[in-house]
N, C-alpha and C. Protein backbone atom coordinates (compact mmCIF):
# COMPACT_ATOMS: atom_id res chain seq x y z
N MET A 1 97.61 72.08 79.72
CA MET A 1 97.78 73.31 79.43
C MET A 1 99.76 73.26 78.99
N LYS A 2 99.95 74.17 78.03
CA LYS A 2 101.40 74.24 77.76
C LYS A 2 101.77 74.62 78.73
N VAL A 3 103.25 75.02 78.78
CA VAL A 3 104.23 75.80 79.34
C VAL A 3 103.90 76.75 79.41
N GLU A 4 103.47 77.62 78.68
CA GLU A 4 103.25 78.77 78.55
C GLU A 4 102.72 79.22 77.21
N CYS A 5 101.68 79.99 77.20
CA CYS A 5 101.01 80.80 75.99
C CYS A 5 100.91 82.39 76.31
N GLY A 6 99.98 82.92 75.33
CA GLY A 6 100.49 84.07 74.93
C GLY A 6 101.15 84.84 75.04
N ASP A 7 101.23 86.16 74.99
CA ASP A 7 102.42 87.20 74.32
C ASP A 7 103.22 87.54 75.70
N ARG A 8 104.71 87.16 75.68
CA ARG A 8 105.37 88.22 76.72
C ARG A 8 105.20 89.58 76.71
N SER A 9 105.26 89.78 75.97
CA SER A 9 105.22 91.43 75.79
C SER A 9 104.06 92.22 76.41
N CYS A 10 102.58 91.48 76.67
CA CYS A 10 101.34 91.60 76.91
C CYS A 10 101.92 92.33 78.29
N PRO A 11 101.19 92.75 79.07
CA PRO A 11 101.66 93.60 80.60
C PRO A 11 101.04 93.14 81.58
N ILE A 12 100.33 92.02 81.37
CA ILE A 12 99.58 91.47 82.42
C ILE A 12 100.31 89.84 82.18
N TRP A 13 100.49 89.43 83.47
CA TRP A 13 100.73 87.52 83.24
C TRP A 13 100.47 86.64 84.21
N LEU A 14 100.44 85.95 84.05
CA LEU A 14 99.82 84.96 85.00
C LEU A 14 100.36 83.66 84.97
N LEU A 15 100.87 83.27 86.63
CA LEU A 15 101.71 81.86 86.54
C LEU A 15 101.11 81.21 87.17
N VAL A 16 101.03 79.92 87.06
CA VAL A 16 100.60 79.05 88.29
C VAL A 16 101.26 77.71 87.99
N ASN A 17 100.85 77.00 89.13
CA ASN A 17 101.13 75.59 89.61
C ASN A 17 100.86 74.10 88.41
N PRO A 18 102.24 73.97 88.01
CA PRO A 18 101.81 73.23 86.87
C PRO A 18 101.07 71.70 87.40
N LYS A 19 101.03 71.99 89.03
CA LYS A 19 100.63 70.56 89.70
C LYS A 19 98.78 70.60 89.85
N ASN A 20 98.55 71.74 89.55
CA ASN A 20 97.08 72.39 89.39
C ASN A 20 96.52 73.41 88.23
N PRO A 21 96.64 72.48 87.08
CA PRO A 21 96.23 73.24 85.59
C PRO A 21 94.57 73.24 85.58
N ALA A 22 93.86 72.69 86.48
CA ALA A 22 92.41 73.05 86.52
C ALA A 22 92.18 74.50 86.68
N ASP A 23 92.79 75.03 87.60
CA ASP A 23 93.62 76.57 88.35
C ASP A 23 92.96 77.86 87.13
N ILE A 24 93.35 77.61 86.36
CA ILE A 24 93.15 78.15 85.13
C ILE A 24 91.58 78.24 84.69
N TYR A 25 90.96 77.28 84.82
CA TYR A 25 89.25 77.35 84.64
C TYR A 25 88.42 77.64 85.62
N ASP A 26 89.28 77.08 87.03
CA ASP A 26 88.49 77.22 88.49
C ASP A 26 88.27 78.55 89.00
N ILE A 27 89.48 79.05 88.88
CA ILE A 27 89.91 80.41 89.65
C ILE A 27 90.55 81.41 88.56
N TRP A 28 91.16 81.35 87.71
CA TRP A 28 91.51 82.90 86.70
C TRP A 28 89.89 82.87 85.74
N THR A 29 89.49 81.76 85.57
CA THR A 29 88.09 82.09 84.57
C THR A 29 87.42 83.13 85.00
N PRO A 30 86.72 82.60 86.43
CA PRO A 30 85.74 83.34 86.86
C PRO A 30 86.51 84.91 87.56
N ILE A 31 87.84 84.91 87.78
CA ILE A 31 88.36 86.28 87.93
C ILE A 31 88.12 87.31 86.94
N ILE A 32 88.91 86.43 85.52
CA ILE A 32 89.40 87.53 84.36
C ILE A 32 87.56 88.10 84.14
N TYR A 33 87.07 87.03 84.17
CA TYR A 33 85.37 87.54 83.91
C TYR A 33 84.80 88.55 84.58
N GLU A 34 85.16 88.51 85.85
CA GLU A 34 84.59 89.59 86.39
C GLU A 34 85.18 90.88 86.36
N ILE A 35 86.93 90.45 86.19
CA ILE A 35 87.58 91.76 85.77
C ILE A 35 87.00 92.70 84.56
N GLN A 36 86.85 91.85 83.34
CA GLN A 36 86.29 92.34 81.85
C GLN A 36 84.69 92.50 82.34
N ASP A 37 84.40 92.26 83.00
CA ASP A 37 82.80 92.92 83.58
C ASP A 37 82.81 94.27 83.77
N LYS A 38 83.71 94.70 84.85
CA LYS A 38 83.69 95.58 85.31
C LYS A 38 84.37 96.48 84.60
N ILE A 39 85.37 96.60 83.95
CA ILE A 39 86.16 97.21 83.08
C ILE A 39 85.23 97.83 81.69
N TYR A 40 84.15 96.41 81.38
CA TYR A 40 83.34 97.12 80.30
C TYR A 40 82.38 97.83 80.70
N ARG A 41 81.56 97.84 82.14
CA ARG A 41 80.98 98.84 82.22
C ARG A 41 81.58 100.41 82.37
N LYS A 42 82.90 100.06 83.02
CA LYS A 42 83.71 101.41 83.20
C LYS A 42 83.96 102.23 81.84
N LEU A 43 84.67 101.68 81.24
CA LEU A 43 84.95 102.17 79.78
C LEU A 43 84.61 101.62 78.74
N HIS A 44 83.34 100.44 78.36
CA HIS A 44 83.45 100.12 77.43
C HIS A 44 84.37 99.82 76.31
N ALA A 45 85.22 98.85 77.17
CA ALA A 45 86.69 98.14 76.75
C ALA A 45 86.50 96.93 76.95
N ARG A 46 87.27 96.37 76.62
CA ARG A 46 87.63 94.91 76.66
C ARG A 46 89.40 94.29 76.78
N ILE A 47 89.87 93.47 77.93
CA ILE A 47 91.58 93.43 77.62
C ILE A 47 91.36 92.23 76.55
N ASP A 48 92.31 92.23 76.06
CA ASP A 48 92.24 91.33 74.81
C ASP A 48 93.01 90.05 75.70
N SER A 49 92.44 88.99 76.45
CA SER A 49 92.75 87.95 77.21
C SER A 49 93.82 87.08 76.31
N ARG A 50 93.41 86.85 75.22
CA ARG A 50 94.31 86.11 74.59
C ARG A 50 95.74 86.55 74.60
N ASN A 51 96.03 87.43 75.00
CA ASN A 51 97.24 87.84 74.72
C ASN A 51 97.58 87.42 76.06
N ILE A 52 97.30 87.68 77.24
CA ILE A 52 98.00 87.73 78.66
C ILE A 52 98.76 86.38 78.52
N PHE A 53 99.60 86.47 78.94
CA PHE A 53 101.03 85.89 78.95
C PHE A 53 100.70 84.55 80.40
N VAL A 54 100.29 83.52 79.70
CA VAL A 54 100.31 82.65 81.07
C VAL A 54 101.46 81.31 80.91
N LYS A 55 102.21 81.40 82.38
CA LYS A 55 103.13 80.30 82.14
C LYS A 55 103.26 79.63 83.81
N ASN A 56 103.93 78.21 83.25
CA ASN A 56 104.05 77.33 84.67
C ASN A 56 104.98 77.67 85.04
N ALA A 57 105.18 78.41 86.31
CA ALA A 57 106.33 79.23 87.21
C ALA A 57 107.32 78.31 87.42
N ILE A 58 107.11 76.83 87.60
CA ILE A 58 108.40 76.28 87.33
C ILE A 58 108.51 74.68 86.86
N SER A 59 109.30 73.99 86.70
CA SER A 59 109.03 72.71 85.70
C SER A 59 108.34 71.79 86.67
N ASP A 60 108.95 71.52 88.12
CA ASP A 60 109.00 70.73 89.10
C ASP A 60 108.69 72.01 90.45
N ILE A 61 107.22 72.49 90.37
CA ILE A 61 107.33 73.47 91.20
C ILE A 61 107.37 72.81 92.77
N GLY A 62 107.36 71.52 92.93
CA GLY A 62 107.59 70.89 94.69
C GLY A 62 109.03 70.93 95.09
N ARG A 63 109.63 71.49 94.19
CA ARG A 63 111.03 71.71 94.61
C ARG A 63 111.35 73.49 95.43
N VAL A 64 110.58 74.13 94.98
CA VAL A 64 110.56 75.19 95.86
C VAL A 64 111.02 75.78 97.27
N SER A 65 109.72 74.98 97.86
CA SER A 65 109.92 74.73 98.88
C SER A 65 111.00 74.27 99.51
N ASN A 66 112.01 73.66 99.05
CA ASN A 66 112.97 72.80 99.27
C ASN A 66 114.41 72.91 98.67
N ALA A 67 114.61 74.38 98.79
CA ALA A 67 115.47 75.03 97.83
C ALA A 67 116.75 74.78 98.42
N SER A 68 116.84 74.07 99.49
CA SER A 68 118.13 73.81 100.30
C SER A 68 118.72 72.08 99.71
N ASN A 69 117.81 71.29 99.24
CA ASN A 69 117.97 70.18 98.86
C ASN A 69 118.93 70.35 97.21
N CYS A 70 119.48 69.21 97.18
CA CYS A 70 120.02 68.97 95.81
C CYS A 70 119.83 69.72 94.34
N TRP A 71 118.18 70.17 94.46
CA TRP A 71 117.81 71.24 93.08
C TRP A 71 118.10 72.20 93.14
N ALA A 72 118.32 72.54 94.44
CA ALA A 72 118.59 74.10 94.82
C ALA A 72 119.27 74.86 93.10
N LEU A 73 119.88 74.17 92.68
CA LEU A 73 120.90 74.86 91.48
C LEU A 73 119.78 75.41 90.50
N GLU A 74 118.91 73.83 89.87
CA GLU A 74 118.01 73.82 88.64
C GLU A 74 116.85 75.34 88.97
N ILE A 75 116.58 74.94 90.81
CA ILE A 75 115.22 76.17 90.66
C ILE A 75 116.33 77.50 90.51
N THR A 76 117.28 77.75 90.75
CA THR A 76 117.94 79.47 91.16
C THR A 76 118.21 79.34 89.56
N LYS A 77 118.47 78.14 88.19
CA LYS A 77 118.22 78.64 86.76
C LYS A 77 117.02 79.18 86.93
N GLU A 78 116.11 78.26 87.10
CA GLU A 78 114.57 78.75 86.83
C GLU A 78 114.29 80.13 86.92
N ILE A 79 114.44 80.24 88.53
CA ILE A 79 114.52 81.56 89.04
C ILE A 79 114.80 82.84 88.28
N VAL A 80 116.34 82.77 87.55
CA VAL A 80 117.00 83.48 86.72
C VAL A 80 116.43 83.85 85.38
N LEU A 81 115.83 82.97 84.93
CA LEU A 81 115.39 82.67 83.47
C LEU A 81 113.99 83.49 83.52
N LEU A 82 113.33 83.40 84.76
CA LEU A 82 112.30 84.21 84.79
C LEU A 82 112.70 85.35 85.14
N ARG A 83 112.99 85.69 86.21
CA ARG A 83 113.76 87.46 86.22
C ARG A 83 114.24 88.07 85.41
N GLU A 84 115.18 87.31 84.37
CA GLU A 84 115.76 88.20 83.04
C GLU A 84 114.49 88.25 82.13
N SER A 85 113.70 87.17 81.71
CA SER A 85 112.21 87.73 81.28
C SER A 85 111.37 88.62 81.67
N VAL A 86 111.27 88.97 83.20
CA VAL A 86 110.39 89.81 83.46
C VAL A 86 111.08 91.43 83.09
N LEU A 87 112.51 91.45 83.33
CA LEU A 87 113.19 92.25 83.52
C LEU A 87 113.27 93.17 81.78
N LYS A 88 113.47 92.44 81.17
CA LYS A 88 113.31 92.29 79.34
C LYS A 88 111.72 92.90 78.84
N HIS A 89 110.53 92.25 79.58
CA HIS A 89 109.28 92.28 79.20
C HIS A 89 108.77 93.30 80.01
N GLN A 90 108.96 93.78 81.14
CA GLN A 90 108.55 94.53 82.23
C GLN A 90 107.00 94.38 82.19
N PRO A 91 106.61 93.72 82.49
CA PRO A 91 105.14 93.22 82.68
C PRO A 91 104.41 94.47 83.62
N LYS A 92 103.48 94.94 84.01
CA LYS A 92 102.85 95.51 84.69
C LYS A 92 102.53 95.07 86.01
N ILE A 93 101.90 93.54 85.80
CA ILE A 93 101.19 93.29 86.31
C ILE A 93 101.39 91.68 86.53
N VAL A 94 101.75 90.97 87.39
CA VAL A 94 102.20 89.33 87.57
C VAL A 94 101.38 88.90 88.75
N ILE A 95 100.29 88.12 88.14
CA ILE A 95 99.05 87.54 89.41
C ILE A 95 99.89 86.22 89.22
N THR A 96 99.87 85.85 90.59
CA THR A 96 100.64 84.29 91.28
C THR A 96 99.00 83.21 92.11
N LEU A 97 98.92 82.51 91.96
CA LEU A 97 98.15 81.44 92.50
C LEU A 97 98.29 80.74 93.27
N GLY A 98 98.42 80.88 94.71
CA GLY A 98 98.33 80.03 95.66
C GLY A 98 100.05 80.17 96.17
N ALA A 99 99.97 79.77 97.19
CA ALA A 99 101.68 79.76 98.14
C ALA A 99 102.90 79.28 97.43
N VAL A 100 102.62 78.03 97.07
CA VAL A 100 104.51 78.20 96.12
C VAL A 100 104.51 79.15 94.92
N THR A 101 103.79 78.77 94.37
CA THR A 101 103.78 79.96 93.35
C THR A 101 104.23 81.22 93.61
N ASN A 102 103.07 81.68 94.84
CA ASN A 102 103.95 82.71 95.58
C ASN A 102 105.26 83.02 95.67
N GLU A 103 105.36 81.92 96.16
CA GLU A 103 107.31 82.03 96.92
C GLU A 103 108.16 82.08 95.72
N PHE A 104 107.59 81.43 94.56
CA PHE A 104 108.48 81.27 93.43
C PHE A 104 108.77 82.60 92.93
N VAL A 105 107.88 83.36 92.65
CA VAL A 105 107.88 84.64 92.33
C VAL A 105 108.28 85.68 93.15
N ARG A 106 108.32 85.47 94.20
CA ARG A 106 108.79 86.48 95.46
C ARG A 106 110.42 86.45 95.15
N ARG A 107 110.66 84.91 95.18
CA ARG A 107 112.22 85.09 94.81
C ARG A 107 112.67 85.06 93.27
N VAL A 108 111.77 85.43 92.20
CA VAL A 108 111.72 85.82 90.87
C VAL A 108 111.82 86.96 91.25
N LEU A 109 111.27 87.94 92.07
CA LEU A 109 111.23 89.61 91.90
C LEU A 109 112.18 89.73 92.96
N ASP A 110 112.59 88.99 93.53
CA ASP A 110 113.91 89.27 94.83
C ASP A 110 113.56 89.90 95.76
N ILE A 111 111.92 89.97 96.42
CA ILE A 111 111.39 90.53 97.24
C ILE A 111 111.64 90.08 98.68
N ARG A 112 112.21 90.34 99.59
CA ARG A 112 112.72 89.74 100.77
C ARG A 112 111.90 89.17 101.47
N PRO A 113 111.60 87.94 102.09
CA PRO A 113 110.20 87.91 103.00
C PRO A 113 110.47 88.27 104.28
N GLU A 114 109.26 88.72 105.23
CA GLU A 114 109.25 88.41 106.63
C GLU A 114 109.64 88.05 107.42
N ASN A 115 109.67 86.42 106.57
CA ASN A 115 109.40 85.20 107.17
C ASN A 115 109.78 84.40 106.00
N GLU A 116 110.15 82.93 106.56
CA GLU A 116 110.48 82.21 105.53
C GLU A 116 109.60 81.64 104.87
N SER A 117 110.14 80.43 103.65
CA SER A 117 108.71 80.14 102.97
C SER A 117 107.56 79.85 103.48
N LYS A 118 107.94 79.47 104.80
CA LYS A 118 106.61 78.44 105.47
C LYS A 118 105.67 80.05 105.95
N TYR A 119 105.77 80.99 105.53
CA TYR A 119 105.09 82.07 105.65
C TYR A 119 103.71 81.98 104.80
N TRP A 120 103.45 81.41 104.08
CA TRP A 120 102.33 81.65 103.48
C TRP A 120 101.41 81.06 103.69
N ASN A 121 100.57 81.28 104.19
CA ASN A 121 99.08 80.72 104.38
C ASN A 121 97.80 81.87 104.01
N THR A 122 96.61 81.50 104.29
CA THR A 122 95.14 81.86 103.94
C THR A 122 95.36 83.50 104.45
N SER A 123 95.60 83.69 104.94
CA SER A 123 95.54 84.91 106.35
C SER A 123 96.41 85.64 105.43
N ASN A 124 98.10 85.53 105.07
CA ASN A 124 99.30 86.12 104.98
C ASN A 124 98.71 86.59 103.53
N LEU A 125 98.73 85.21 102.78
CA LEU A 125 98.18 85.91 101.26
C LEU A 125 97.44 87.01 100.80
N GLY A 126 96.43 86.98 101.81
CA GLY A 126 94.93 87.95 102.03
C GLY A 126 96.06 89.39 101.91
N GLU A 127 96.96 89.23 103.13
CA GLU A 127 97.33 90.40 103.43
C GLU A 127 98.40 91.19 102.34
N GLU A 128 99.12 90.11 101.83
CA GLU A 128 99.94 90.60 100.54
C GLU A 128 99.21 90.71 99.55
N PHE A 129 97.96 90.21 98.97
CA PHE A 129 97.28 90.99 98.15
C PHE A 129 96.71 92.37 98.73
N GLU A 130 96.28 92.74 99.59
CA GLU A 130 96.20 93.63 99.66
C GLU A 130 97.05 94.73 100.03
N ARG A 131 98.14 94.49 100.59
CA ARG A 131 99.55 95.71 100.10
C ARG A 131 99.99 95.93 98.63
N SER A 132 99.80 94.67 97.79
CA SER A 132 100.26 94.96 96.61
C SER A 132 99.07 95.77 95.74
N ILE A 133 97.99 95.76 96.08
CA ILE A 133 97.25 96.30 95.69
C ILE A 133 97.01 97.83 95.85
N SER A 134 97.59 97.98 97.05
CA SER A 134 97.49 99.75 97.74
C SER A 134 98.56 100.26 97.35
N ASN A 135 99.65 99.30 97.02
CA ASN A 135 101.01 99.83 96.57
C ASN A 135 101.55 99.69 94.78
N PHE A 136 100.31 99.66 94.48
CA PHE A 136 100.41 99.39 92.95
C PHE A 136 100.72 100.68 92.08
N ASP A 137 101.91 100.42 91.24
CA ASP A 137 102.48 101.39 90.80
C ASP A 137 102.70 100.73 89.22
N VAL A 138 102.21 101.29 88.24
CA VAL A 138 101.89 101.20 86.79
C VAL A 138 103.26 101.40 86.49
N ASN A 139 104.39 101.84 86.90
CA ASN A 139 106.02 102.14 86.17
C ASN A 139 106.48 101.03 86.84
N GLN A 140 106.18 99.98 87.53
CA GLN A 140 106.80 98.89 87.79
C GLN A 140 106.48 97.46 87.86
N THR A 141 106.45 96.64 88.07
CA THR A 141 106.50 95.24 88.08
C THR A 141 105.31 95.18 89.35
N ASN A 142 104.16 95.10 89.24
CA ASN A 142 103.19 94.74 90.19
C ASN A 142 102.74 93.16 90.54
N TRP A 143 103.48 92.63 91.99
CA TRP A 143 103.03 91.32 91.87
C TRP A 143 102.08 91.30 92.61
N ILE A 144 100.96 90.27 91.90
CA ILE A 144 99.19 90.41 92.89
C ILE A 144 99.41 89.21 93.25
N PRO A 145 99.30 88.65 94.48
CA PRO A 145 99.52 87.15 95.14
C PRO A 145 97.95 87.12 95.38
N LEU A 146 97.58 85.91 94.47
CA LEU A 146 95.80 85.64 95.07
C LEU A 146 95.82 83.83 95.37
N LEU A 147 95.09 83.44 96.22
CA LEU A 147 94.72 82.31 96.67
C LEU A 147 94.29 81.35 96.17
N ARG A 148 94.63 79.89 96.39
CA ARG A 148 94.16 79.07 95.34
C ARG A 148 92.85 78.45 96.09
N ARG A 149 92.79 78.23 97.27
CA ARG A 149 91.51 77.41 98.03
C ARG A 149 90.80 78.66 99.03
N VAL A 150 89.63 79.03 99.19
CA VAL A 150 89.39 79.75 99.73
C VAL A 150 88.43 78.84 100.80
N THR A 151 88.95 78.38 101.72
CA THR A 151 87.99 77.44 102.75
C THR A 151 87.49 78.38 104.10
N LYS A 152 86.62 78.21 104.51
CA LYS A 152 86.10 78.59 105.85
C LYS A 152 85.52 77.67 106.43
N SER A 153 85.17 76.97 105.91
CA SER A 153 84.21 75.78 106.51
C SER A 153 84.19 74.35 106.13
N ASP A 154 83.68 73.32 106.97
CA ASP A 154 83.00 72.09 106.28
C ASP A 154 82.40 72.09 104.99
N ASN A 155 81.71 73.09 105.02
CA ASN A 155 80.70 72.67 103.96
C ASN A 155 80.95 73.22 102.68
N PRO A 156 80.76 72.39 102.09
CA PRO A 156 81.23 72.48 100.28
C PRO A 156 80.59 73.48 99.77
N ILE A 157 78.92 73.60 100.26
CA ILE A 157 78.68 74.82 99.59
C ILE A 157 79.17 76.06 99.59
N LYS A 158 78.99 76.25 101.01
CA LYS A 158 79.65 77.81 101.90
C LYS A 158 80.82 78.08 101.15
N ASP A 159 82.03 76.88 101.08
CA ASP A 159 83.34 76.94 100.69
C ASP A 159 83.08 77.45 98.92
N TRP A 160 81.72 77.11 98.48
CA TRP A 160 81.86 77.69 96.70
C TRP A 160 81.25 79.43 97.18
N GLU A 161 80.44 79.14 97.93
CA GLU A 161 79.76 81.27 97.95
C GLU A 161 81.13 82.06 98.36
N ASP A 162 81.80 81.27 99.07
CA ASP A 162 83.02 81.60 99.73
C ASP A 162 84.12 82.32 98.89
N SER A 163 84.41 81.55 97.95
CA SER A 163 85.10 81.47 96.44
C SER A 163 84.12 82.55 95.81
N GLU A 164 83.50 82.61 95.37
CA GLU A 164 82.62 83.27 94.71
C GLU A 164 82.63 84.77 94.83
N ILE A 165 82.51 84.70 96.24
CA ILE A 165 82.63 86.26 96.95
C ILE A 165 84.32 86.46 96.79
N TYR A 166 85.27 85.83 97.18
CA TYR A 166 86.55 86.03 96.82
C TYR A 166 87.10 86.61 95.52
N TYR A 167 86.83 85.81 94.46
CA TYR A 167 86.84 86.25 93.23
C TYR A 167 86.39 87.47 92.60
N ARG A 168 85.19 87.95 93.11
CA ARG A 168 84.47 89.21 92.86
C ARG A 168 85.39 90.16 93.38
N ASP A 169 85.35 89.93 94.88
CA ASP A 169 86.45 90.83 95.86
C ASP A 169 87.62 91.34 94.76
N VAL A 170 88.90 90.25 94.84
CA VAL A 170 89.68 90.50 93.87
C VAL A 170 90.00 90.79 92.58
N ALA A 171 88.95 90.35 91.93
CA ALA A 171 88.58 91.08 90.27
C ALA A 171 88.72 92.18 90.16
N ALA A 172 87.22 92.86 91.42
CA ALA A 172 87.50 94.05 91.17
C ALA A 172 88.09 95.11 91.59
N LYS A 173 88.79 94.54 92.53
CA LYS A 173 90.39 95.45 92.87
C LYS A 173 91.67 95.56 91.84
N ILE A 174 91.24 94.24 91.17
CA ILE A 174 92.41 94.28 89.79
C ILE A 174 91.79 95.07 88.92
N ALA A 175 90.79 95.26 88.74
CA ALA A 175 89.97 96.03 87.72
C ALA A 175 89.82 97.66 88.23
N ASP A 176 89.98 97.83 89.47
CA ASP A 176 89.79 99.49 89.46
C ASP A 176 91.37 99.47 89.32
N ARG A 177 92.49 99.12 89.36
CA ARG A 177 93.83 99.55 89.41
C ARG A 177 94.00 99.59 87.53
N ILE A 178 93.29 98.66 87.33
CA ILE A 178 93.71 98.55 85.30
C ILE A 178 92.62 99.87 84.57
N ILE A 179 91.68 99.88 85.53
CA ILE A 179 90.81 101.47 84.94
C ILE A 179 91.57 102.50 85.31
N GLU A 180 92.07 102.85 86.51
CA GLU A 180 92.87 103.71 86.96
C GLU A 180 94.11 104.17 85.88
N ASN A 181 94.81 102.95 85.14
CA ASN A 181 95.72 103.29 84.54
C ASN A 181 95.71 103.19 83.35
N LYS A 182 94.66 102.77 82.61
CA LYS A 182 93.73 102.27 81.48
C LYS A 182 94.73 103.18 80.12
N ASP A 183 95.26 104.33 80.23
CA ASP A 183 96.56 104.64 79.51
C ASP A 183 97.82 104.10 79.16
N SER A 184 97.96 103.88 80.42
CA SER A 184 99.31 103.30 80.53
C SER A 184 99.42 101.64 79.92
N LEU A 185 98.33 101.44 79.88
CA LEU A 185 98.07 99.48 79.45
C LEU A 185 98.05 99.41 78.17
N LYS A 186 99.00 98.55 77.34
CA LYS A 186 98.43 98.15 76.08
C LYS A 186 97.76 97.05 76.41
N ILE A 187 96.56 96.92 76.41
CA ILE A 187 95.56 95.67 76.63
C ILE A 187 94.67 95.49 76.15
N TRP A 188 94.21 96.30 75.06
CA TRP A 188 93.05 96.47 74.07
C TRP A 188 92.65 96.02 73.32
N ILE A 189 91.21 95.71 73.29
CA ILE A 189 91.10 94.70 72.21
C ILE A 189 90.47 95.86 71.41
């Protein structure tokens, strides 16, 4: 994937980990498909998904968790640059995939953690997602953290089924917020 694509002025941003480029296809594609399906059934409209701004969260995302090391200055620069971009373009929805990308965006949006960066795990990200959906406010930037991996068993088929259910569930909740705020979002084809 390029470092970024789409339109920064789009109200929906997706920030990904450059170490996991397949997440766009393996995670984001099924989620946006479900979002589009629910919106079409409700509104008979579609999101112009080509305009969704997609960006690698940081040039070397491995450094985020070790902000105290010698790379801290460069990480801080990238945080400041993305923060300035968020302030300038005011996206309404910033979706992130996985623990490391979530930690980076937490720093960009200057959200104080309950715990340190080691806080992120599957259950905590799930709680953060539910909190972000319930506190959704179209008048501000809403951070929507998503899981990269949904694994509950040692059975790959069961993991795949769990992932499919998870993608449908989060997509439905995101679609509900988009539908509720359809007149405030300029995302339609």
